[in-house]
Amino acid sequence: LTKALARARGRHRLQVLAFLGWRLAKPGVRLAQRAVGRDPLPAPALLRLWWGCWRGLGAYGVASRTARARRREAGR
């Protein structure tokens, strides 16, 4: 989704941003539901899921820079 957001233009960008926002918020919503007994996953699993969603935002940028550097190195 981070890649899609970086490449999207115009109205499509807003749609991707809205979906990305929901994907980042959804584990938090599920965690709140778990607090009142309405989600089957244990809280630690939901916390790991939520953390992974947020970590993924930065991971795309790091992976892109690494790939670019490797391509430059291979081209020498």
PDB file of N, CA and C in Angstrom:
ATOM      1  N   LEU A   1       0.818  -1.204   0.000  1.00  0.00           N
ATOM      2  CA  LEU A   1       0.000   0.000   0.000  1.00  0.00           C
ATOM      3  C   LEU A   1       0.855   1.259   0.000  1.00  0.00           C
ATOM      4  N   THR A   2       1.999   1.197   0.652  1.00  0.00           N
ATOM      5  CA  THR A   2       2.886   2.353   0.655  1.00  0.00           C
ATOM      6  C   THR A   2       3.382   2.629  -0.756  1.00  0.00           C
ATOM      7  N   LYS A   3       3.716   1.586  -1.482  1.00  0.00           N
ATOM      8  CA  LYS A   3       4.157   1.737  -2.872  1.00  0.00           C
ATOM      9  C   LYS A   3       3.015   2.294  -3.725  1.00  0.00           C
ATOM     10  N   ALA A   4       1.813   1.777  -3.532  1.00  0.00           N
ATOM     11  CA  ALA A   4       0.660   2.263  -4.296  1.00  0.00           C
ATOM     12  C   ALA A   4       0.417   3.739  -4.011  1.00  0.00           C
ATOM     13  N   LEU A   5       0.574   4.146  -2.773  1.00  0.00           N
ATOM     14  CA  LEU A   5       0.378   5.547  -2.413  1.00  0.00           C
ATOM     15  C   LEU A   5       1.444   6.426  -3.058  1.00  0.00           C
ATOM     16  N   ALA A   6       2.680   5.960  -3.059  1.00  0.00           N
ATOM     17  CA  ALA A   6       3.771   6.735  -3.650  1.00  0.00           C
ATOM     18  C   ALA A   6       3.585   6.913  -5.150  1.00  0.00           C
ATOM     19  N   ARG A   7       2.991   5.952  -5.809  1.00  0.00           N
ATOM     20  CA  ARG A   7       2.831   6.006  -7.273  1.00  0.00           C
ATOM     21  C   ARG A   7       1.489   6.576  -7.729  1.00  0.00           C
ATOM     22  N   ALA A   8       0.518   6.629  -6.842  1.00  0.00           N
ATOM     23  CA  ALA A   8      -0.832   7.063  -7.226  1.00  0.00           C
ATOM     24  C   ALA A   8      -0.862   8.569  -7.491  1.00  0.00           C
ATOM     25  N   ARG A   9      -1.750   8.963  -8.355  1.00  0.00           N
ATOM     26  CA  ARG A   9      -1.931  10.376  -8.709  1.00  0.00           C
ATOM     27  C   ARG A   9      -3.419  10.728  -8.652  1.00  0.00           C
ATOM     28  N   GLY A  10      -3.686  11.994  -8.386  1.00  0.00           N
ATOM     29  CA  GLY A  10      -5.043  12.511  -8.435  1.00  0.00           C
ATOM     30  C   GLY A  10      -6.007  11.832  -7.474  1.00  0.00           C
ATOM     31  N   ARG A  11      -7.180  11.570  -7.972  1.00  0.00           N
ATOM     32  CA  ARG A  11      -8.252  10.986  -7.167  1.00  0.00           C
ATOM     33  C   ARG A  11      -7.875   9.597  -6.640  1.00  0.00           C
ATOM     34  N   HIS A  12      -7.146   8.857  -7.449  1.00  0.00           N
ATOM     35  CA  HIS A  12      -6.734   7.514  -7.038  1.00  0.00           C
ATOM     36  C   HIS A  12      -5.878   7.580  -5.773  1.00  0.00           C
ATOM     37  N   ARG A  13      -5.053   8.618  -5.658  1.00  0.00           N
ATOM     38  CA  ARG A  13      -4.198   8.792  -4.480  1.00  0.00           C
ATOM     39  C   ARG A  13      -5.050   8.932  -3.216  1.00  0.00           C
ATOM     40  N   LEU A  14      -6.124   9.681  -3.296  1.00  0.00           N
ATOM     41  CA  LEU A  14      -7.020   9.864  -2.151  1.00  0.00           C
ATOM     42  C   LEU A  14      -7.661   8.527  -1.754  1.00  0.00           C
ATOM     43  N   GLN A  15      -8.036   7.742  -2.748  1.00  0.00           N
ATOM     44  CA  GLN A  15      -8.627   6.435  -2.464  1.00  0.00           C
ATOM     45  C   GLN A  15      -7.624   5.507  -1.779  1.00  0.00           C
ATOM     46  N   VAL A  16      -6.391   5.489  -2.267  1.00  0.00           N
ATOM     47  CA  VAL A  16      -5.353   4.648  -1.668  1.00  0.00           C
ATOM     48  C   VAL A  16      -5.069   5.126  -0.250  1.00  0.00           C
ATOM     49  N   LEU A  17      -5.005   6.436  -0.051  1.00  0.00           N
ATOM     50  CA  LEU A  17      -4.754   7.004   1.277  1.00  0.00           C
ATOM     51  C   LEU A  17      -5.867   6.627   2.259  1.00  0.00           C
ATOM     52  N   ALA A  18      -7.101   6.677   1.807  1.00  0.00           N
ATOM     53  CA  ALA A  18      -8.224   6.303   2.671  1.00  0.00           C
ATOM     54  C   ALA A  18      -8.135   4.825   3.055  1.00  0.00           C
ATOM     55  N   PHE A  19      -7.825   3.975   2.093  1.00  0.00           N
ATOM     56  CA  PHE A  19      -7.720   2.545   2.384  1.00  0.00           C
ATOM     57  C   PHE A  19      -6.539   2.272   3.310  1.00  0.00           C
ATOM     58  N   LEU A  20      -5.416   2.933   3.070  1.00  0.00           N
ATOM     59  CA  LEU A  20      -4.246   2.774   3.929  1.00  0.00           C
ATOM     60  C   LEU A  20      -4.572   3.216   5.358  1.00  0.00           C
ATOM     61  N   GLY A  21      -5.271   4.327   5.488  1.00  0.00           N
ATOM     62  CA  GLY A  21      -5.685   4.791   6.816  1.00  0.00           C
ATOM     63  C   GLY A  21      -6.519   3.753   7.543  1.00  0.00           C
ATOM     64  N   TRP A  22      -7.437   3.147   6.819  1.00  0.00           N
ATOM     65  CA  TRP A  22      -8.270   2.114   7.433  1.00  0.00           C
ATOM     66  C   TRP A  22      -7.433   0.899   7.837  1.00  0.00           C
ATOM     67  N   ARG A  23      -6.518   0.485   6.972  1.00  0.00           N
ATOM     68  CA  ARG A  23      -5.676  -0.679   7.297  1.00  0.00           C
ATOM     69  C   ARG A  23      -4.790  -0.412   8.517  1.00  0.00           C
ATOM     70  N   LEU A  24      -4.378   0.837   8.711  1.00  0.00           N
ATOM     71  CA  LEU A  24      -3.575   1.177   9.880  1.00  0.00           C
ATOM     72  C   LEU A  24      -4.418   1.257  11.147  1.00  0.00           C
ATOM     73  N   ALA A  25      -5.669   1.652  11.003  1.00  0.00           N
ATOM     74  CA  ALA A  25      -6.546   1.817  12.165  1.00  0.00           C
ATOM     75  C   ALA A  25      -7.253   0.521  12.569  1.00  0.00           C
ATOM     76  N   LYS A  26      -7.485  -0.365  11.614  1.00  0.00           N
ATOM     77  CA  LYS A  26      -8.302  -1.553  11.872  1.00  0.00           C
ATOM     78  C   LYS A  26      -7.808  -2.415  13.038  1.00  0.00           C
ATOM     79  N   PRO A  27      -6.500  -2.700  13.166  1.00  0.00           N
ATOM     80  CA  PRO A  27      -6.071  -3.497  14.320  1.00  0.00           C
ATOM     81  C   PRO A  27      -6.373  -2.801  15.649  1.00  0.00           C
ATOM     82  N   GLY A  28      -6.321  -1.482  15.668  1.00  0.00           N
ATOM     83  CA  GLY A  28      -6.682  -0.741  16.881  1.00  0.00           C
ATOM     84  C   GLY A  28      -8.158  -0.880  17.208  1.00  0.00           C
ATOM     85  N   VAL A  29      -8.972  -0.860  16.175  1.00  0.00           N
ATOM     86  CA  VAL A  29     -10.415  -1.064  16.357  1.00  0.00           C
ATOM     87  C   VAL A  29     -10.664  -2.470  16.901  1.00  0.00           C
ATOM     88  N   ARG A  30      -9.965  -3.446  16.322  1.00  0.00           N
ATOM     89  CA  ARG A  30     -10.117  -4.831  16.785  1.00  0.00           C
ATOM     90  C   ARG A  30      -9.638  -4.994  18.221  1.00  0.00           C
ATOM     91  N   LEU A  31      -8.582  -4.275  18.577  1.00  0.00           N
ATOM     92  CA  LEU A  31      -8.080  -4.330  19.953  1.00  0.00           C
ATOM     93  C   LEU A  31      -9.127  -3.778  20.922  1.00  0.00           C
ATOM     94  N   ALA A  32      -9.782  -2.695  20.542  1.00  0.00           N
ATOM     95  CA  ALA A  32     -10.858  -2.138  21.370  1.00  0.00           C
ATOM     96  C   ALA A  32     -12.009  -3.140  21.479  1.00  0.00           C
ATOM     97  N   GLN A  33     -12.326  -3.817  20.387  1.00  0.00           N
ATOM     98  CA  GLN A  33     -13.384  -4.834  20.430  1.00  0.00           C
ATOM     99  C   GLN A  33     -12.966  -5.994  21.324  1.00  0.00           C
ATOM    100  N   ARG A  34     -11.683  -6.345  21.293  1.00  0.00           N
ATOM    101  CA  ARG A  34     -11.171  -7.424  22.143  1.00  0.00           C
ATOM    102  C   ARG A  34     -11.331  -7.065  23.618  1.00  0.00           C
ATOM    103  N   ALA A  35     -11.143  -5.790  23.940  1.00  0.00           N
ATOM    104  CA  ALA A  35     -11.257  -5.333  25.331  1.00  0.00           C
ATOM    105  C   ALA A  35     -12.651  -5.582  25.894  1.00  0.00           C
ATOM    106  N   VAL A  36     -13.649  -5.603  25.025  1.00  0.00           N
ATOM    107  CA  VAL A  36     -15.021  -5.870  25.479  1.00  0.00           C
ATOM    108  C   VAL A  36     -15.473  -7.278  25.093  1.00  0.00           C
ATOM    109  N   GLY A  37     -14.515  -8.124  24.689  1.00  0.00           N
ATOM    110  CA  GLY A  37     -14.819  -9.525  24.411  1.00  0.00           C
ATOM    111  C   GLY A  37     -15.456  -9.802  23.076  1.00  0.00           C
ATOM    112  N   ARG A  38     -15.286  -8.919  22.105  1.00  0.00           N
ATOM    113  CA  ARG A  38     -15.950  -9.112  20.819  1.00  0.00           C
ATOM    114  C   ARG A  38     -15.005  -9.458  19.685  1.00  0.00           C
ATOM    115  N   ASP A  39     -13.748  -9.804  19.974  1.00  0.00           N
ATOM    116  CA  ASP A  39     -12.808 -10.236  18.934  1.00  0.00           C
ATOM    117  C   ASP A  39     -12.136 -11.507  19.415  1.00  0.00           C
ATOM    118  N   PRO A  40     -12.034 -12.518  18.551  1.00  0.00           N
ATOM    119  CA  PRO A  40     -11.489 -13.809  18.990  1.00  0.00           C
ATOM    120  C   PRO A  40      -9.964 -13.843  19.166  1.00  0.00           C
ATOM    121  N   LEU A  41      -9.239 -12.931  18.528  1.00  0.00           N
ATOM    122  CA  LEU A  41      -7.781 -12.970  18.658  1.00  0.00           C
ATOM    123  C   LEU A  41      -7.336 -12.429  20.014  1.00  0.00           C
ATOM    124  N   PRO A  42      -6.290 -13.022  20.580  1.00  0.00           N
ATOM    125  CA  PRO A  42      -5.769 -12.501  21.851  1.00  0.00           C
ATOM    126  C   PRO A  42      -5.141 -11.115  21.647  1.00  0.00           C
ATOM    127  N   ALA A  43      -5.177 -10.308  22.689  1.00  0.00           N
ATOM    128  CA  ALA A  43      -4.656  -8.938  22.618  1.00  0.00           C
ATOM    129  C   ALA A  43      -3.199  -8.884  22.147  1.00  0.00           C
ATOM    130  N   PRO A  44      -2.296  -9.756  22.634  1.00  0.00           N
ATOM    131  CA  PRO A  44      -0.910  -9.671  22.148  1.00  0.00           C
ATOM    132  C   PRO A  44      -0.792  -9.878  20.629  1.00  0.00           C
ATOM    133  N   ALA A  45      -1.608 -10.747  20.068  1.00  0.00           N
ATOM    134  CA  ALA A  45      -1.581 -10.965  18.614  1.00  0.00           C
ATOM    135  C   ALA A  45      -2.063  -9.715  17.882  1.00  0.00           C
ATOM    136  N   LEU A  46      -3.084  -9.075  18.413  1.00  0.00           N
ATOM    137  CA  LEU A  46      -3.594  -7.854  17.793  1.00  0.00           C
ATOM    138  C   LEU A  46      -2.577  -6.720  17.887  1.00  0.00           C
ATOM    139  N   LEU A  47      -1.864  -6.651  18.999  1.00  0.00           N
ATOM    140  CA  LEU A  47      -0.823  -5.629  19.152  1.00  0.00           C
ATOM    141  C   LEU A  47       0.314  -5.851  18.154  1.00  0.00           C
ATOM    142  N   ARG A  48       0.714  -7.114  17.955  1.00  0.00           N
ATOM    143  CA  ARG A  48       1.760  -7.422  16.972  1.00  0.00           C
ATOM    144  C   ARG A  48       1.292  -7.073  15.554  1.00  0.00           C
ATOM    145  N   LEU A  49       0.033  -7.368  15.283  1.00  0.00           N
ATOM    146  CA  LEU A  49      -0.539  -7.042  13.976  1.00  0.00           C
ATOM    147  C   LEU A  49      -0.514  -5.530  13.754  1.00  0.00           C
ATOM    148  N   TRP A  50      -0.924  -4.781  14.753  1.00  0.00           N
ATOM    149  CA  TRP A  50      -0.965  -3.327  14.645  1.00  0.00           C
ATOM    150  C   TRP A  50       0.441  -2.761  14.461  1.00  0.00           C
ATOM    151  N   TRP A  51       1.373  -3.252  15.254  1.00  0.00           N
ATOM    152  CA  TRP A  51       2.754  -2.793  15.155  1.00  0.00           C
ATOM    153  C   TRP A  51       3.321  -3.101  13.760  1.00  0.00           C
ATOM    154  N   GLY A  52       3.033  -4.275  13.249  1.00  0.00           N
ATOM    155  CA  GLY A  52       3.511  -4.657  11.925  1.00  0.00           C
ATOM    156  C   GLY A  52       2.960  -3.756  10.829  1.00  0.00           C
ATOM    157  N   CYS A  53       1.719  -3.348  10.960  1.00  0.00           N
ATOM    158  CA  CYS A  53       1.118  -2.438   9.972  1.00  0.00           C
ATOM    159  C   CYS A  53       1.889  -1.119   9.931  1.00  0.00           C
ATOM    160  N   TRP A  54       2.182  -0.568  11.092  1.00  0.00           N
ATOM    161  CA  TRP A  54       2.889   0.708  11.155  1.00  0.00           C
ATOM    162  C   TRP A  54       4.342   0.569  10.716  1.00  0.00           C
ATOM    163  N   ARG A  55       4.975  -0.536  11.082  1.00  0.00           N
ATOM    164  CA  ARG A  55       6.366  -0.764  10.668  1.00  0.00           C
ATOM    165  C   ARG A  55       6.491  -0.853   9.153  1.00  0.00           C
ATOM    166  N   GLY A  56       5.473  -1.422   8.536  1.00  0.00           N
ATOM    167  CA  GLY A  56       5.483  -1.580   7.082  1.00  0.00           C
ATOM    168  C   GLY A  56       5.567  -0.266   6.330  1.00  0.00           C
ATOM    169  N   LEU A  57       5.070   0.810   6.920  1.00  0.00           N
ATOM    170  CA  LEU A  57       5.137   2.114   6.253  1.00  0.00           C
ATOM    171  C   LEU A  57       6.583   2.507   5.960  1.00  0.00           C
ATOM    172  N   GLY A  58       7.433   2.372   6.948  1.00  0.00           N
ATOM    173  CA  GLY A  58       8.836   2.727   6.766  1.00  0.00           C
ATOM    174  C   GLY A  58       9.628   1.675   6.021  1.00  0.00           C
ATOM    175  N   ALA A  59       9.191   0.437   6.085  1.00  0.00           N
ATOM    176  CA  ALA A  59       9.937  -0.658   5.463  1.00  0.00           C
ATOM    177  C   ALA A  59      10.012  -0.503   3.947  1.00  0.00           C
ATOM    178  N   TYR A  60       8.972   0.018   3.334  1.00  0.00           N
ATOM    179  CA  TYR A  60       8.996   0.175   1.879  1.00  0.00           C
ATOM    180  C   TYR A  60      10.098   1.150   1.462  1.00  0.00           C
ATOM    181  N   GLY A  61      10.201   2.258   2.145  1.00  0.00           N
ATOM    182  CA  GLY A  61      11.230   3.237   1.812  1.00  0.00           C
ATOM    183  C   GLY A  61      12.630   2.674   1.970  1.00  0.00           C
ATOM    184  N   VAL A  62      12.853   1.952   3.050  1.00  0.00           N
ATOM    185  CA  VAL A  62      14.162   1.339   3.292  1.00  0.00           C
ATOM    186  C   VAL A  62      14.469   0.318   2.201  1.00  0.00           C
ATOM    187  N   ALA A  63      13.507  -0.517   1.863  1.00  0.00           N
ATOM    188  CA  ALA A  63      13.716  -1.535   0.833  1.00  0.00           C
ATOM    189  C   ALA A  63      13.983  -0.900  -0.528  1.00  0.00           C
ATOM    190  N   SER A  64      13.290   0.186  -0.839  1.00  0.00           N
ATOM    191  CA  SER A  64      13.499   0.873  -2.117  1.00  0.00           C
ATOM    192  C   SER A  64      14.908   1.452  -2.209  1.00  0.00           C
ATOM    193  N   ARG A  65      15.355   2.089  -1.143  1.00  0.00           N
ATOM    194  CA  ARG A  65      16.707   2.651  -1.136  1.00  0.00           C
ATOM    195  C   ARG A  65      17.760   1.553  -1.246  1.00  0.00           C
ATOM    196  N   THR A  66      17.553   0.453  -0.546  1.00  0.00           N
ATOM    197  CA  THR A  66      18.488  -0.671  -0.610  1.00  0.00           C
ATOM    198  C   THR A  66      18.563  -1.240  -2.025  1.00  0.00           C
ATOM    199  N   ALA A  67      17.411  -1.415  -2.655  1.00  0.00           N
ATOM    200  CA  ALA A  67      17.374  -1.960  -4.021  1.00  0.00           C
ATOM    201  C   ALA A  67      18.076  -1.017  -4.997  1.00  0.00           C
ATOM    202  N   ARG A  68      17.831   0.296  -4.862  1.00  0.00           N
ATOM    203  CA  ARG A  68      18.489   1.271  -5.731  1.00  0.00           C
ATOM    204  C   ARG A  68      20.004   1.217  -5.566  1.00  0.00           C
ATOM    205  N   ALA A  69      20.453   1.145  -4.318  1.00  0.00           N
ATOM    206  CA  ALA A  69      21.896   1.093  -4.051  1.00  0.00           C
ATOM    207  C   ALA A  69      22.509  -0.171  -4.648  1.00  0.00           C
ATOM    208  N   ARG A  70      21.815  -1.290  -4.532  1.00  0.00           N
ATOM    209  CA  ARG A  70      22.331  -2.549  -5.086  1.00  0.00           C
ATOM    210  C   ARG A  70      22.385  -2.505  -6.605  1.00  0.00           C
ATOM    211  N   ARG A  71      21.392  -1.884  -7.225  1.00  0.00           N
ATOM    212  CA  ARG A  71      21.400  -1.763  -8.684  1.00  0.00           C
ATOM    213  C   ARG A  71      22.549  -0.881  -9.138  1.00  0.00           C
ATOM    214  N   ARG A  72      22.798   0.212  -8.407  1.00  0.00           N
ATOM    215  CA  ARG A  72      23.929   1.084  -8.750  1.00  0.00           C
ATOM    216  C   ARG A  72      25.236   0.331  -8.613  1.00  0.00           C
ATOM    217  N   GLU A  73      25.384  -0.427  -7.533  1.00  0.00           N
ATOM    218  CA  GLU A  73      26.594  -1.224  -7.291  1.00  0.00           C
ATOM    219  C   GLU A  73      26.806  -2.243  -8.392  1.00  0.00           C
ATOM    220  N   ALA A  74      25.741  -2.897  -8.808  1.00  0.00           N
ATOM    221  CA  ALA A  74      25.849  -3.935  -9.843  1.00  0.00           C
ATOM    222  C   ALA A  74      26.200  -3.328 -11.196  1.00  0.00           C
ATOM    223  N   GLY A  75      25.841  -2.078 -11.408  1.00  0.00           N
ATOM    224  CA  GLY A  75      26.079  -1.417 -12.681  1.00  0.00           C
ATOM    225  C   GLY A  75      27.505  -0.922 -12.834  1.00  0.00           C
ATOM    226  N   ARG A  76      28.263  -0.921 -11.787  1.00  0.00           N
ATOM    227  CA  ARG A  76      29.647  -0.421 -11.862  1.00  0.00           C
ATOM    228  C   ARG A  76      30.567  -1.378 -12.512  1.00  0.00           C
TER     229      ARG A  76
END
